[in-house]
N, C-alpha and C. Protein backbone atom coordinates (compact mmCIF):
# COMPACT_ATOMS: atom_id res chain seq x y z
N MET A 1 -94.73 -182.37 129.10
CA MET A 1 -94.56 -181.98 128.24
C MET A 1 -93.18 -181.22 128.59
N LYS A 2 -91.97 -181.31 127.85
CA LYS A 2 -90.60 -180.61 128.23
C LYS A 2 -90.89 -179.58 127.46
N LYS A 3 -89.92 -178.28 128.08
CA LYS A 3 -90.00 -177.12 127.98
C LYS A 3 -89.39 -176.52 126.55
N HIS A 4 -89.44 -175.98 125.96
CA HIS A 4 -88.21 -175.90 124.53
C HIS A 4 -88.13 -174.39 124.42
N ARG A 5 -86.79 -174.06 124.57
CA ARG A 5 -86.36 -172.70 124.77
C ARG A 5 -85.33 -172.98 122.85
N PRO A 6 -85.57 -171.64 122.65
CA PRO A 6 -84.89 -171.10 121.14
C PRO A 6 -83.35 -171.06 121.55
N ARG A 7 -82.79 -171.45 120.76
CA ARG A 7 -81.38 -171.42 120.88
C ARG A 7 -80.77 -170.39 119.35
N ARG A 8 -79.35 -169.92 119.60
CA ARG A 8 -78.76 -169.34 118.68
C ARG A 8 -78.02 -170.46 117.54
N PRO A 9 -77.97 -169.92 116.67
CA PRO A 9 -77.51 -170.93 115.73
C PRO A 9 -75.49 -171.23 115.91
N SER A 10 -75.61 -172.61 116.48
CA SER A 10 -74.37 -173.08 117.14
C SER A 10 -73.82 -174.41 116.91
N ARG A 11 -75.13 -174.92 116.55
CA ARG A 11 -74.68 -176.48 116.08
C ARG A 11 -74.11 -176.62 114.53
N ALA A 12 -74.45 -175.68 113.94
CA ALA A 12 -74.76 -175.49 111.97
C ALA A 12 -73.21 -176.59 111.59
N ASN A 13 -73.00 -177.82 111.59
CA ASN A 13 -72.60 -178.91 110.66
C ASN A 13 -72.19 -178.41 108.84
N PRO A 14 -70.92 -178.49 108.46
CA PRO A 14 -71.07 -178.15 107.32
C PRO A 14 -71.26 -179.03 106.34
N GLY A 15 -70.92 -180.50 107.07
CA GLY A 15 -71.41 -181.72 106.27
C GLY A 15 -70.88 -181.54 104.67
N LYS A 16 -71.78 -182.25 103.82
CA LYS A 16 -71.21 -182.30 102.20
C LYS A 16 -71.74 -180.96 101.86
N ASP A 17 -70.87 -180.38 100.54
CA ASP A 17 -70.61 -178.90 100.26
C ASP A 17 -71.26 -179.46 99.43
N GLU A 18 -72.48 -178.79 98.57
CA GLU A 18 -72.99 -178.68 97.01
C GLU A 18 -73.34 -177.26 96.95
N GLY A 19 -72.16 -176.94 96.07
CA GLY A 19 -72.30 -175.16 95.28
C GLY A 19 -72.07 -174.69 96.99
N ASN A 20 -72.77 -173.54 97.48
CA ASN A 20 -72.51 -172.85 98.43
C ASN A 20 -73.58 -173.27 99.64
N LEU A 21 -74.59 -174.76 99.16
CA LEU A 21 -75.67 -175.22 99.82
C LEU A 21 -74.68 -175.61 100.94
N LYS A 22 -74.58 -176.09 102.22
CA LYS A 22 -74.05 -177.10 103.18
C LYS A 22 -75.66 -177.90 103.92
N THR A 23 -75.33 -179.11 103.36
CA THR A 23 -77.13 -179.91 103.32
C THR A 23 -76.74 -180.64 104.67
N ALA A 24 -75.93 -180.87 105.62
CA ALA A 24 -76.13 -181.30 106.93
C ALA A 24 -76.67 -180.58 107.85
N LYS A 25 -77.25 -179.78 107.49
CA LYS A 25 -77.91 -179.04 108.66
C LYS A 25 -79.20 -178.66 108.03
N VAL A 26 -80.13 -178.64 108.92
CA VAL A 26 -81.54 -178.26 108.35
C VAL A 26 -81.98 -176.91 109.84
N TYR A 27 -82.08 -175.69 108.94
CA TYR A 27 -82.93 -175.14 110.20
C TYR A 27 -84.41 -175.14 110.11
N VAL A 28 -85.22 -175.26 111.25
CA VAL A 28 -86.53 -175.04 111.32
C VAL A 28 -86.95 -173.94 112.22
N ILE A 29 -87.28 -172.96 111.66
CA ILE A 29 -87.76 -171.88 112.20
C ILE A 29 -89.32 -170.98 111.91
N PRO A 30 -89.70 -170.93 113.64
CA PRO A 30 -91.08 -170.65 113.72
C PRO A 30 -90.90 -169.57 113.74
N CYS A 31 -92.25 -168.66 113.53
CA CYS A 31 -92.91 -167.50 113.73
C CYS A 31 -92.59 -167.13 115.22
N SER A 32 -92.61 -165.90 115.49
CA SER A 32 -92.35 -165.63 116.87
C SER A 32 -94.21 -164.85 117.30
N GLY A 33 -95.03 -164.81 116.67
CA GLY A 33 -96.07 -164.54 116.76
C GLY A 33 -97.10 -164.59 118.43
N ILE A 34 -96.24 -163.45 118.44
CA ILE A 34 -96.87 -163.40 120.06
C ILE A 34 -98.57 -163.03 120.23
N GLY A 35 -98.93 -163.58 121.08
CA GLY A 35 -100.48 -163.03 121.33
C GLY A 35 -101.21 -164.36 120.21
N LYS A 36 -100.37 -165.71 119.62
CA LYS A 36 -101.39 -165.60 118.98
C LYS A 36 -101.49 -167.64 118.76
N ALA A 37 -102.56 -168.22 119.29
CA ALA A 37 -102.06 -169.76 119.83
C ALA A 37 -101.77 -170.41 118.64
N THR A 38 -101.96 -169.93 117.20
CA THR A 38 -101.74 -170.69 116.04
C THR A 38 -99.72 -170.88 116.11
N ALA A 39 -99.38 -169.38 116.17
CA ALA A 39 -98.38 -169.21 116.30
C ALA A 39 -97.34 -170.29 117.32
N SER A 40 -97.83 -170.48 118.60
CA SER A 40 -97.39 -171.61 120.09
C SER A 40 -97.88 -172.98 119.08
N VAL A 41 -98.51 -173.31 118.11
CA VAL A 41 -98.88 -174.17 117.54
C VAL A 41 -97.54 -174.45 116.58
N GLY A 42 -97.20 -173.10 116.11
CA GLY A 42 -95.99 -173.54 114.99
C GLY A 42 -94.79 -173.72 115.46
N ARG A 43 -94.72 -172.59 117.02
CA ARG A 43 -93.06 -173.68 117.67
C ARG A 43 -93.08 -174.33 118.21
N GLU A 44 -94.09 -174.94 118.61
CA GLU A 44 -94.16 -176.57 119.24
C GLU A 44 -93.69 -177.42 118.28
N ALA A 45 -94.21 -177.41 116.86
CA ALA A 45 -93.92 -177.95 115.84
C ALA A 45 -92.50 -177.95 115.67
N ALA A 46 -92.18 -176.94 115.72
CA ALA A 46 -90.62 -176.88 115.16
C ALA A 46 -89.74 -177.55 116.25
N TYR A 47 -90.10 -177.49 117.38
CA TYR A 47 -89.21 -177.98 118.79
C TYR A 47 -89.47 -179.46 118.56
N ARG A 48 -90.56 -179.93 118.35
CA ARG A 48 -90.30 -181.13 117.93
C ARG A 48 -89.25 -181.82 116.93
N VAL A 49 -89.41 -181.38 115.94
CA VAL A 49 -88.69 -181.70 114.75
C VAL A 49 -87.15 -181.23 115.31
N VAL A 50 -86.63 -180.35 115.76
CA VAL A 50 -85.47 -180.13 116.15
C VAL A 50 -85.05 -180.49 117.36
N GLU A 51 -85.75 -181.12 118.26
CA GLU A 51 -85.38 -181.72 119.79
C GLU A 51 -86.26 -183.39 120.03
N ASP A 52 -87.09 -183.58 118.92
CA ASP A 52 -87.32 -185.08 119.19
C ASP A 52 -87.21 -186.20 117.89
N LEU A 53 -87.40 -185.63 116.59
CA LEU A 53 -87.82 -186.06 115.50
C LEU A 53 -86.57 -186.24 114.64
N LEU A 54 -85.84 -185.17 114.42
CA LEU A 54 -84.94 -185.24 113.57
C LEU A 54 -83.70 -184.39 114.25
N PRO A 55 -83.07 -184.63 115.46
CA PRO A 55 -82.18 -183.74 116.67
C PRO A 55 -80.57 -183.39 116.43
N GLU A 56 -80.19 -184.71 115.19
CA GLU A 56 -79.01 -185.08 114.77
C GLU A 56 -78.69 -184.24 113.45
N THR A 57 -79.87 -183.80 112.58
CA THR A 57 -79.76 -183.47 111.55
C THR A 57 -80.56 -181.56 111.77
N CYS A 58 -81.51 -181.41 112.43
CA CYS A 58 -81.79 -180.17 112.31
C CYS A 58 -81.30 -179.07 113.65
N ASP A 59 -82.09 -178.02 113.63
CA ASP A 59 -81.84 -176.93 114.70
C ASP A 59 -82.34 -175.68 114.14
N THR A 60 -82.71 -174.79 115.08
CA THR A 60 -83.17 -174.10 114.98
C THR A 60 -82.28 -172.52 115.55
N LEU A 61 -83.05 -171.21 114.99
CA LEU A 61 -82.50 -170.30 115.54
C LEU A 61 -83.31 -169.19 115.66
N CYS A 62 -83.37 -168.07 116.62
CA CYS A 62 -84.51 -167.06 116.81
C CYS A 62 -84.76 -166.21 115.68
N LEU A 63 -85.88 -166.05 115.33
CA LEU A 63 -86.45 -165.10 114.45
C LEU A 63 -86.17 -164.11 114.54
N GLY A 64 -85.66 -163.76 115.64
CA GLY A 64 -85.67 -162.04 115.92
C GLY A 64 -84.12 -161.91 115.54
N LEU A 65 -83.25 -163.00 115.69
CA LEU A 65 -81.97 -162.90 114.50
C LEU A 65 -81.95 -162.32 113.42
N LEU A 66 -82.74 -162.84 113.03
CA LEU A 66 -83.01 -162.66 111.40
C LEU A 66 -83.78 -160.91 110.86
N THR A 67 -84.59 -160.76 111.83
CA THR A 67 -85.36 -159.67 111.86
C THR A 67 -84.37 -158.56 112.28
N THR A 68 -83.64 -158.35 112.89
CA THR A 68 -82.20 -157.67 113.22
C THR A 68 -81.25 -157.44 112.33
N GLY A 69 -81.19 -158.53 111.61
CA GLY A 69 -80.14 -158.30 110.50
C GLY A 69 -78.93 -159.10 111.04
N ASP A 70 -78.88 -159.64 112.11
CA ASP A 70 -77.46 -160.83 112.85
C ASP A 70 -76.65 -161.28 110.96
N GLU A 71 -76.03 -161.01 110.92
CA GLU A 71 -75.31 -161.42 109.81
C GLU A 71 -75.24 -162.86 110.14
N GLU A 72 -74.48 -163.19 111.04
CA GLU A 72 -74.18 -164.59 111.30
C GLU A 72 -75.19 -165.23 111.14
N ALA A 73 -76.38 -164.98 111.85
CA ALA A 73 -77.89 -165.90 111.72
C ALA A 73 -78.42 -165.98 110.15
N ARG A 74 -77.86 -164.92 109.47
CA ARG A 74 -78.17 -164.63 108.07
C ARG A 74 -77.22 -165.59 106.77
N ALA A 75 -76.51 -165.85 107.24
CA ALA A 75 -75.77 -166.75 106.70
C ALA A 75 -76.03 -168.20 106.74
N GLU A 76 -76.25 -168.46 107.96
CA GLU A 76 -76.46 -169.54 108.42
C GLU A 76 -77.80 -170.29 107.51
N VAL A 77 -78.77 -168.96 107.11
CA VAL A 77 -80.22 -169.53 106.76
C VAL A 77 -79.86 -169.30 105.10
N ARG A 78 -79.01 -168.95 104.38
CA ARG A 78 -77.96 -168.65 103.18
C ARG A 78 -77.54 -169.95 102.85
N ASP A 79 -76.73 -170.31 103.71
CA ASP A 79 -75.96 -171.69 103.16
C ASP A 79 -76.59 -173.03 103.78
N ASN A 80 -77.95 -173.16 104.19
CA ASN A 80 -78.43 -174.53 104.48
C ASN A 80 -79.49 -174.50 104.37
N LEU A 81 -80.51 -175.93 104.20
CA LEU A 81 -81.98 -175.98 104.42
C LEU A 81 -82.38 -175.31 105.18
N VAL A 82 -83.56 -174.73 105.00
CA VAL A 82 -84.20 -173.87 105.58
C VAL A 82 -85.92 -174.67 105.63
N VAL A 83 -86.48 -174.84 106.76
CA VAL A 83 -87.87 -175.22 107.06
C VAL A 83 -88.62 -173.30 107.59
N ALA A 84 -89.60 -172.91 107.15
CA ALA A 84 -90.35 -171.77 107.54
C ALA A 84 -91.77 -172.28 107.99
N ILE A 85 -91.88 -172.16 109.65
CA ILE A 85 -93.11 -172.60 109.72
C ILE A 85 -93.74 -171.19 110.55
N ASP A 86 -95.01 -170.86 109.77
CA ASP A 86 -96.00 -169.42 110.05
C ASP A 86 -97.18 -169.58 110.54
N GLY A 87 -97.33 -169.29 111.24
CA GLY A 87 -98.75 -169.30 112.07
C GLY A 87 -99.95 -168.54 111.87
N CYS A 88 -99.42 -167.39 110.93
CA CYS A 88 -100.68 -166.63 110.05
C CYS A 88 -100.23 -166.40 108.74
N ALA A 89 -100.78 -165.79 108.51
CA ALA A 89 -101.40 -164.82 107.13
C ALA A 89 -100.01 -163.95 106.63
N LYS A 90 -99.81 -163.73 108.02
CA LYS A 90 -98.50 -162.34 107.44
C LYS A 90 -97.41 -163.07 107.61
N ASP A 91 -96.88 -164.74 107.14
CA ASP A 91 -95.74 -165.35 107.12
C ASP A 91 -94.21 -164.62 107.61
N CYS A 92 -94.49 -164.09 108.63
CA CYS A 92 -93.05 -163.72 109.40
C CYS A 92 -91.86 -164.63 109.35
N ALA A 93 -91.92 -165.80 109.29
CA ALA A 93 -90.52 -166.96 109.48
C ALA A 93 -90.62 -166.19 107.71
N ARG A 94 -91.46 -167.32 107.07
CA ARG A 94 -91.01 -166.91 105.26
C ARG A 94 -90.16 -165.71 104.74
N LYS A 95 -91.02 -164.75 105.29
CA LYS A 95 -90.50 -163.59 105.01
C LYS A 95 -89.11 -163.08 105.49
N ASN A 96 -88.53 -163.30 106.63
CA ASN A 96 -87.67 -162.95 107.37
C ASN A 96 -86.11 -163.88 106.50
N VAL A 97 -86.48 -165.07 106.07
CA VAL A 97 -85.94 -166.05 105.78
C VAL A 97 -85.28 -165.02 104.03
N GLU A 98 -86.52 -164.50 103.79
CA GLU A 98 -86.65 -164.37 101.93
C GLU A 98 -85.20 -163.12 102.61
N ALA A 99 -85.70 -162.35 103.34
CA ALA A 99 -84.93 -161.28 103.49
C ALA A 99 -83.46 -161.31 103.56
N SER A 100 -82.94 -162.72 103.82
CA SER A 100 -81.49 -163.20 104.35
C SER A 100 -80.99 -163.48 102.82
N GLY A 101 -81.80 -163.68 102.21
CA GLY A 101 -81.41 -164.39 101.14
C GLY A 101 -81.77 -165.00 100.13
N LYS A 102 -82.61 -165.68 100.54
CA LYS A 102 -83.24 -166.88 99.81
C LYS A 102 -84.40 -167.36 100.27
N ALA A 103 -85.24 -168.25 99.43
CA ALA A 103 -86.76 -168.63 99.95
C ALA A 103 -86.40 -169.63 100.77
N PRO A 104 -87.63 -169.91 101.63
CA PRO A 104 -87.20 -171.35 102.29
C PRO A 104 -87.14 -172.49 101.47
N ASP A 105 -86.52 -173.60 101.97
CA ASP A 105 -86.83 -174.51 100.99
C ASP A 105 -87.94 -175.34 101.48
N ILE A 106 -88.63 -175.07 102.22
CA ILE A 106 -89.87 -175.66 102.89
C ILE A 106 -90.63 -174.47 103.78
N ALA A 107 -91.78 -174.42 103.17
CA ALA A 107 -92.24 -173.22 103.97
C ALA A 107 -94.17 -174.05 104.33
N HIS A 108 -94.41 -173.68 105.58
CA HIS A 108 -96.09 -174.31 105.77
C HIS A 108 -96.41 -172.90 106.92
N ARG A 109 -97.51 -173.08 106.63
CA ARG A 109 -98.77 -172.30 107.18
C ARG A 109 -99.45 -173.19 108.39
N VAL A 110 -99.55 -172.82 109.64
CA VAL A 110 -100.41 -173.63 110.68
C VAL A 110 -101.97 -173.40 110.28
N GLN A 111 -102.02 -172.69 109.78
CA GLN A 111 -103.83 -172.75 109.04
C GLN A 111 -104.16 -173.86 108.09
N ASP A 112 -103.46 -173.73 107.38
CA ASP A 112 -103.50 -174.63 106.57
C ASP A 112 -103.30 -176.56 106.75
N PHE A 113 -102.92 -176.66 107.92
CA PHE A 113 -102.80 -178.08 108.96
C PHE A 113 -104.28 -177.95 109.14
N MET A 114 -104.83 -177.03 109.83
CA MET A 114 -105.97 -177.19 110.35
C MET A 114 -107.18 -177.04 109.55
N LYS A 115 -106.98 -176.40 108.31
CA LYS A 115 -107.91 -176.99 107.21
C LYS A 115 -108.06 -178.44 106.87
N LYS A 116 -106.98 -179.10 106.83
CA LYS A 116 -106.81 -180.41 106.79
C LYS A 116 -107.21 -181.47 107.91
N HIS A 117 -107.24 -180.75 108.84
CA HIS A 117 -107.34 -181.55 110.33
C HIS A 117 -108.39 -180.60 110.90
N LYS A 118 -109.29 -180.50 110.68
CA LYS A 118 -110.51 -179.98 111.37
C LYS A 118 -110.88 -179.95 112.52
N GLY A 119 -110.99 -181.39 113.04
CA GLY A 119 -111.24 -181.46 114.78
C GLY A 119 -109.51 -181.04 115.44
N LEU A 120 -108.62 -180.37 115.08
CA LEU A 120 -107.77 -180.38 115.27
C LEU A 120 -107.34 -178.76 115.87
N LYS A 121 -107.14 -178.32 116.30
CA LYS A 121 -107.37 -176.44 116.66
C LYS A 121 -107.07 -175.94 118.16
N PRO A 122 -106.12 -175.21 118.27
CA PRO A 122 -105.26 -174.65 119.65
C PRO A 122 -106.46 -173.89 120.36
N GLU A 123 -106.26 -174.34 121.61
CA GLU A 123 -107.56 -173.33 122.65
C GLU A 123 -107.26 -172.16 122.79
N ALA A 124 -105.62 -171.43 123.46
CA ALA A 124 -105.02 -170.32 123.75
C ALA A 124 -103.99 -171.03 123.45
N VAL A 125 -103.32 -169.11 123.66
CA VAL A 125 -101.66 -169.16 123.46
C VAL A 125 -100.99 -169.75 124.54
N LEU A 126 -101.34 -169.54 125.83
CA LEU A 126 -100.56 -169.98 126.51
C LEU A 126 -100.67 -171.73 126.85
N ASP A 127 -101.50 -172.14 126.89
CA ASP A 127 -102.22 -173.79 126.93
C ASP A 127 -103.09 -174.13 125.51
N VAL A 128 -102.15 -174.67 124.73
CA VAL A 128 -102.94 -174.46 123.09
C VAL A 128 -103.97 -176.24 123.35
N GLY A 129 -103.90 -176.53 124.43
CA GLY A 129 -104.87 -177.61 124.86
C GLY A 129 -104.39 -179.12 123.86
N GLU A 130 -105.24 -179.92 124.19
CA GLU A 130 -104.67 -181.42 123.61
C GLU A 130 -104.84 -181.03 121.38
N GLY A 131 -105.97 -180.63 121.55
CA GLY A 131 -105.82 -180.43 120.08
C GLY A 131 -105.00 -179.45 119.43
N GLY A 132 -104.27 -178.58 120.24
CA GLY A 132 -103.16 -177.85 119.40
C GLY A 132 -101.98 -178.69 119.81
N HIS A 133 -101.67 -179.65 120.62
CA HIS A 133 -100.78 -180.39 120.59
C HIS A 133 -100.68 -181.47 119.59
N GLU A 134 -101.89 -181.95 119.29
CA GLU A 134 -101.69 -183.00 118.42
C GLU A 134 -101.82 -181.94 116.96
N LEU A 135 -102.09 -181.23 116.98
CA LEU A 135 -101.60 -180.70 115.81
C LEU A 135 -99.95 -180.04 115.45
N ALA A 136 -99.55 -180.10 116.44
CA ALA A 136 -98.11 -179.75 116.10
C ALA A 136 -97.47 -180.81 116.12
N GLU A 137 -98.52 -181.86 116.46
CA GLU A 137 -97.43 -183.63 116.21
C GLU A 137 -97.60 -183.67 114.93
N VAL A 138 -98.72 -183.26 114.42
CA VAL A 138 -99.12 -183.92 112.90
C VAL A 138 -98.21 -182.63 112.18
N ILE A 139 -98.07 -181.75 112.22
CA ILE A 139 -97.08 -180.78 111.72
C ILE A 139 -95.57 -180.95 111.63
N ALA A 140 -95.32 -182.14 113.03
CA ALA A 140 -94.00 -181.95 112.97
C ALA A 140 -93.69 -183.35 112.34
N GLY A 141 -94.66 -184.54 112.38
CA GLY A 141 -94.62 -185.33 111.54
C GLY A 141 -94.33 -185.27 109.57
N GLU A 142 -95.25 -184.08 109.62
CA GLU A 142 -95.22 -183.41 108.09
C GLU A 142 -93.68 -183.29 107.72
N VAL A 143 -93.44 -182.39 108.63
CA VAL A 143 -92.06 -181.57 108.22
C VAL A 143 -90.78 -182.54 108.44
N ALA A 144 -90.68 -183.69 109.26
CA ALA A 144 -89.72 -184.12 109.38
C ALA A 144 -89.67 -185.09 108.22
N ALA A 145 -90.85 -185.40 107.44
CA ALA A 145 -91.06 -186.26 106.31
C ALA A 145 -90.18 -185.64 105.10
N GLU A 146 -91.19 -184.37 104.99
CA GLU A 146 -90.39 -183.41 103.84
C GLU A 146 -89.12 -183.12 104.26
N ILE A 147 -88.19 -182.84 105.22
CA ILE A 147 -86.97 -182.82 105.42
C ILE A 147 -86.13 -183.83 105.05
N GLU A 148 -86.66 -185.37 105.52
CA GLU A 148 -86.33 -186.67 104.99
C GLU A 148 -85.99 -187.10 103.33
N GLU A 149 -86.89 -186.45 103.11
CA GLU A 149 -87.45 -186.54 101.58
C GLU A 149 -86.31 -185.87 100.66
N ARG A 150 -86.22 -184.34 101.02
CA ARG A 150 -85.19 -183.40 100.71
C ARG A 150 -83.80 -183.88 100.72
N LEU A 151 -83.52 -184.29 101.97
CA LEU A 151 -82.00 -184.89 102.27
C LEU A 151 -81.65 -186.58 101.68
N VAL A 152 -82.60 -187.20 101.46
CA VAL A 152 -82.38 -188.39 100.50
C VAL A 152 -82.23 -188.00 99.15
N GLY A 153 -82.73 -186.73 98.99
CA GLY A 153 -82.92 -186.31 97.16
C GLY A 153 -81.84 -185.87 96.63
N GLU A 154 -80.39 -185.61 97.79
CA GLU A 154 -79.77 -184.82 97.61
C GLU A 154 -78.75 -185.95 97.68
N ASP A 155 -78.67 -187.02 98.01
CA ASP A 155 -77.53 -188.20 97.98
C ASP A 155 -77.29 -188.59 96.57
């Protein structure tokens, strides 16, 4: 499995403009949940969407940029579709998107997927194991389908 690395917002594509919303780029923002296996699953799911499933449409940015109030990152969030994937009930990704000026267009918690897919759960933070990887794949597939549905609905 290839390693995933966070990126700063750099590939934003203004695309078609509907009011203030630039719909050609979708930011998938996972929580940073250090020390939580569910956060590791959420990050893996986000990277699968961004790098494997919808690389032409999606990107990610570092949650820390939103947390510290980076204006470039906050503007990207305000001006594009945003998906928040949280690893726990603290909802760090969702709350930081909201603090940037808008609610996420799509928001998920890894635990909600674990309830629906009881046999899939992560083993540990550093190695989520086969169940964690499968759970990330399920989450990525659902998120990608929701993104595509949103983008088709805007045409």
